[in-house]
Amino acid sequence: MKNKIVLTGGCGFIGSHTCVELQEAGFDVVIFDNLSNSEITVLDGIEKITGIRPAFYQIDCTDKGAVYQAFQKEGPIAGVVHFAASKAVGESVQKPLLYYRNNLASLMNMLEAAQDFHLKGFVFSSSCTVYGEPDKSPVDESAPIKPATSPYGNTKQIAEEIIKDYVHTGIDFNAIILRYFNPIGAHPTAEIGELPRGVPQNLLPYVCQAAMGIRKELSVFGNDYNTPDGSCIRDYIDVTDLAKAHVCALSRMVDGKSKDQIEYYNLGTGKGVSVLELVNTFMEATGVKVPYSIKGRREGDIEKIWGNPSHANEVLGWKAQVPLKETLANAWRWQMRLREKGVM
């Protein structure tokens, strides 16, 4: 019998790619998603890639009753990957209560369900934003948790504290917290990818839309940071690489290999890339020009951060492998597919 995994926010960018990797690794997948920032058509793309259409419930995870009804209907569930959350740094500064309400209430409901329905493992989608403005890079898991620079980042810090406190009560399942750096790209088939609603809040979708002519130009926020070219530096990781780490994490818990009841892993490439470097690499990878202009610094942005993924490499047996140019070419291929479909 296959292990059944619930993905909250499973129609989203990272969730959909993780669904593909889990199905290809032999797991059964059930998606919970309220479709507030995703589309039901993502299920078609998943099915085209894997030949399997995951079970789907249009559920808001802040609705505990709906969550429990779905768990009861699905029967034995081995684990949860909790993606469902609002995730844009800039928007969180403007709408902090939306972020606290959505991101924390949904987490608490899923943790209670994990205990009440006797799951083996709980994977939480966290972020390198918990490190704030780090003292140095690359950042490993022992780096101090700094004051958050945005409400979004603060919800991730609080969420990690909630999970730690809940584990301390003596719950029956293990938890793994995955701290992502900056996921980008699309599935190489161009069947699924990032699909922002309205103006993109993340860098690469905006780059693609500027290259496509959907946006007049890309705004680069700040060129006076203490970095080689003055723009912010991040650790950009291919979304399919990132998705595969969730398979490793779930397998570790389901197979009873976790050494501690709660474990933390940084997921990144170990290499910092500046905003301007990414834009120039995109143009090299695609041959398409990206119009951009320099703007003032944006509130909530961290100057530079990239990860040390050696702990995940050694313990989970996972490593980021897709080259940046290939990742950017996949993202552009996805953007062209969206144009073919008349989506944008």
Foldseek 3Di string as FASTA:
>chain_A
DAAEEEEEVLQAFLNVLLCLLCVVVGHAYEYEYLCPWGDPCSQVLSCVNRVDRHHYDNDQLLPLVVVLVVDVVVAQHAEYEYDDFDAFQQVCQVPVVRRLSRLVSSLVSVVVVCQVRVYAEYEYEAAPQQLPQFPDPPDFPVTDRDPGQGSNNVSRVVSVVVVVVVVVVPGRYAYEYEHEWAEFFFPLVLSDHHDGDDQDSDQLVNQLCQLVVVDVAAEQAFQCFPDPRTGAKTFYFYSSLVSNLVVLVSCCRSVPNDPDSYYYFYDGQRDIDGSVRLSVLLCVLPVTHGHYDYDHHDRRDHRYYGHDGVVCCPPSVGHGDDDSSSRSNRRNSSSVVCVVVVND
